[in-house]
Amino acid sequence: MDSLPTTLSQAIDTLARETGATPAETEQVQALFTSKGISLDEDATPFAGILRETFERQVVIRRAGAAARQAERVGSDLQRIKHLCAEQQLRLLGLSGGMQRLAQQVEANGERLKRFRYYLAEFYTPLDP
């Protein structure tokens, strides 16, 4: 917007719409002028540059705040994932231990079976030659 409307009030409203300023941000800008005794009905031309800069800075601040909140959510999500992975690791370790015990039992049973076959061969003679 190259030329601002006539009054400060109109200029503030126009820039607020253009930049997506919240009502609270708009009120803050208005309060800056009224607290200095500057009427919002005054001509906006002398204040055009500072008004634009103020609203553009608010955009930057909003974006930075949004990025910080997003980073916080990502950090929280990563902590949750870390916790879930640790739980999963414990479960897998438990399963691994159980599988190792089963493997040992299978191996032991295999050895018993070999001994059983050996002893059985001593006492068993096949009927078919």
Protein backbone atom coordinates (compact mmCIF):
# COMPACT_ATOMS: atom_id res chain seq x y z
CA MET A 1 0.00 0.00 0.00
CA ASP A 2 1.80 3.12 -1.22
CA SER A 3 -0.59 5.79 -0.07
CA LEU A 4 -2.35 5.47 3.25
CA PRO A 5 -5.92 6.59 3.88
CA THR A 6 -6.37 10.00 5.38
CA THR A 7 -6.55 9.34 9.12
CA LEU A 8 -4.36 7.33 11.46
CA SER A 9 -7.38 5.22 12.38
CA GLN A 10 -8.01 4.31 8.73
CA ALA A 11 -4.32 3.65 8.10
CA ILE A 12 -4.07 1.40 11.15
CA ASP A 13 -7.17 -0.56 10.11
CA THR A 14 -5.90 -0.95 6.53
CA LEU A 15 -2.44 -2.13 7.60
CA ALA A 16 -3.95 -4.45 10.20
CA ARG A 17 -6.04 -6.13 7.48
CA GLU A 18 -3.09 -6.34 5.08
CA THR A 19 -0.81 -7.95 7.65
CA GLY A 20 -3.37 -10.11 9.42
CA ALA A 21 -2.89 -8.32 12.72
CA THR A 22 -4.97 -9.47 15.63
CA PRO A 23 -7.42 -7.07 17.28
CA ALA A 24 -5.09 -6.90 20.29
CA GLU A 25 -2.13 -5.91 18.10
CA THR A 26 -4.26 -3.28 16.37
CA GLU A 27 -5.32 -1.89 19.74
CA GLN A 28 -1.69 -1.74 20.86
CA VAL A 29 -0.74 0.34 17.83
CA GLN A 30 -3.69 2.66 18.43
CA ALA A 31 -2.69 2.95 22.09
CA LEU A 32 0.84 3.98 21.10
CA PHE A 33 -0.56 7.08 19.43
CA THR A 34 -3.28 7.92 21.93
CA SER A 35 -0.87 7.53 24.89
CA LYS A 36 1.32 10.22 23.28
CA GLY A 37 -1.69 12.48 22.86
CA ILE A 38 -1.92 11.93 19.09
CA SER A 39 -5.49 11.73 17.87
CA LEU A 40 -6.39 8.80 15.61
CA ASP A 41 -8.25 11.35 13.45
CA GLU A 42 -4.99 13.09 12.49
CA ASP A 43 -3.46 12.82 9.03
CA ALA A 44 -1.58 9.51 8.63
CA THR A 45 0.98 10.76 6.09
CA PRO A 46 3.69 11.77 8.61
CA PHE A 47 3.38 8.39 10.28
CA ALA A 48 3.14 6.18 7.18
CA GLY A 49 6.65 4.70 7.42
CA ILE A 50 6.54 3.94 11.13
CA LEU A 51 3.05 2.45 10.84
CA ARG A 52 4.09 0.09 8.08
CA GLU A 53 7.27 -0.90 9.95
CA THR A 54 5.30 -1.53 13.14
CA PHE A 55 2.85 -3.85 11.45
CA GLU A 56 5.58 -5.62 9.49
CA ARG A 57 7.49 -6.23 12.72
CA GLN A 58 4.36 -7.69 14.25
CA VAL A 59 4.18 -10.13 11.32
CA VAL A 60 7.79 -11.18 11.97
CA ILE A 61 7.08 -11.61 15.68
CA ARG A 62 3.96 -13.71 14.97
CA ARG A 63 5.91 -15.93 12.58
CA ALA A 64 8.77 -16.35 15.03
CA GLY A 65 6.30 -17.22 17.77
CA ALA A 66 4.57 -19.75 15.53
CA ALA A 67 7.94 -21.29 14.62
CA ALA A 68 8.90 -21.50 18.30
CA ARG A 69 5.61 -23.20 19.17
CA GLN A 70 6.09 -25.63 16.29
CA ALA A 71 9.64 -26.40 17.46
CA GLU A 72 8.29 -27.01 20.96
CA ARG A 73 5.66 -29.42 19.60
CA VAL A 74 8.33 -31.24 17.58
CA GLY A 75 10.52 -31.50 20.68
CA SER A 76 7.59 -32.86 22.67
CA ASP A 77 6.79 -35.35 19.90
CA LEU A 78 10.44 -36.47 19.81
CA GLN A 79 10.41 -37.03 23.58
CA ARG A 80 7.26 -39.11 23.24
CA ILE A 81 8.85 -41.14 20.42
CA LYS A 82 12.00 -41.61 22.53
CA HIS A 83 9.88 -42.96 25.39
CA LEU A 84 7.96 -45.31 23.08
CA CYS A 85 11.20 -46.57 21.52
CA ALA A 86 12.65 -47.26 24.97
CA GLU A 87 9.51 -49.24 25.88
CA GLN A 88 9.73 -51.16 22.61
CA GLN A 89 13.41 -51.89 23.21
CA LEU A 90 12.58 -53.38 26.62
CA ARG A 91 9.88 -55.56 25.05
CA LEU A 92 12.28 -56.71 22.33
CA LEU A 93 14.95 -57.50 24.89
CA GLY A 94 12.40 -59.59 26.80
CA LEU A 95 11.45 -61.42 23.62
CA SER A 96 15.10 -61.94 22.76
CA GLY A 97 15.76 -63.50 26.15
CA GLY A 98 12.74 -65.77 25.76
CA MET A 99 13.86 -66.81 22.28
CA GLN A 100 17.36 -67.57 23.56
CA ARG A 101 15.89 -69.80 26.29
CA LEU A 102 13.76 -71.57 23.68
CA ALA A 103 16.79 -72.06 21.44
CA GLN A 104 18.69 -73.56 24.38
CA GLN A 105 15.76 -75.89 25.10
CA VAL A 106 15.59 -76.96 21.44
CA GLU A 107 19.32 -77.60 21.43
CA ALA A 108 19.07 -79.60 24.66
CA ASN A 109 16.12 -81.57 23.28
CA GLY A 110 18.11 -82.21 20.11
CA GLU A 111 20.96 -83.63 22.19
CA ARG A 112 18.50 -85.80 24.14
CA LEU A 113 16.97 -87.02 20.89
CA LYS A 114 20.41 -87.97 19.55
CA ARG A 115 21.13 -89.92 22.75
CA PHE A 116 17.71 -91.55 22.58
CA ARG A 117 18.31 -92.63 18.97
CA TYR A 118 21.70 -94.02 19.93
CA TYR A 119 20.25 -96.06 22.79
CA LEU A 120 17.28 -97.10 20.68
CA ALA A 121 19.61 -98.33 17.92
CA GLU A 122 21.34 -100.61 20.43
CA PHE A 123 18.08 -102.34 21.35
CA TYR A 124 16.16 -102.10 18.12
CA THR A 125 16.90 -104.29 15.17
CA PRO A 126 15.04 -103.51 11.98
CA LEU A 127 12.81 -106.35 10.73
CA ASP A 128 13.52 -105.59 7.10
CA PRO A 129 17.11 -106.26 6.03
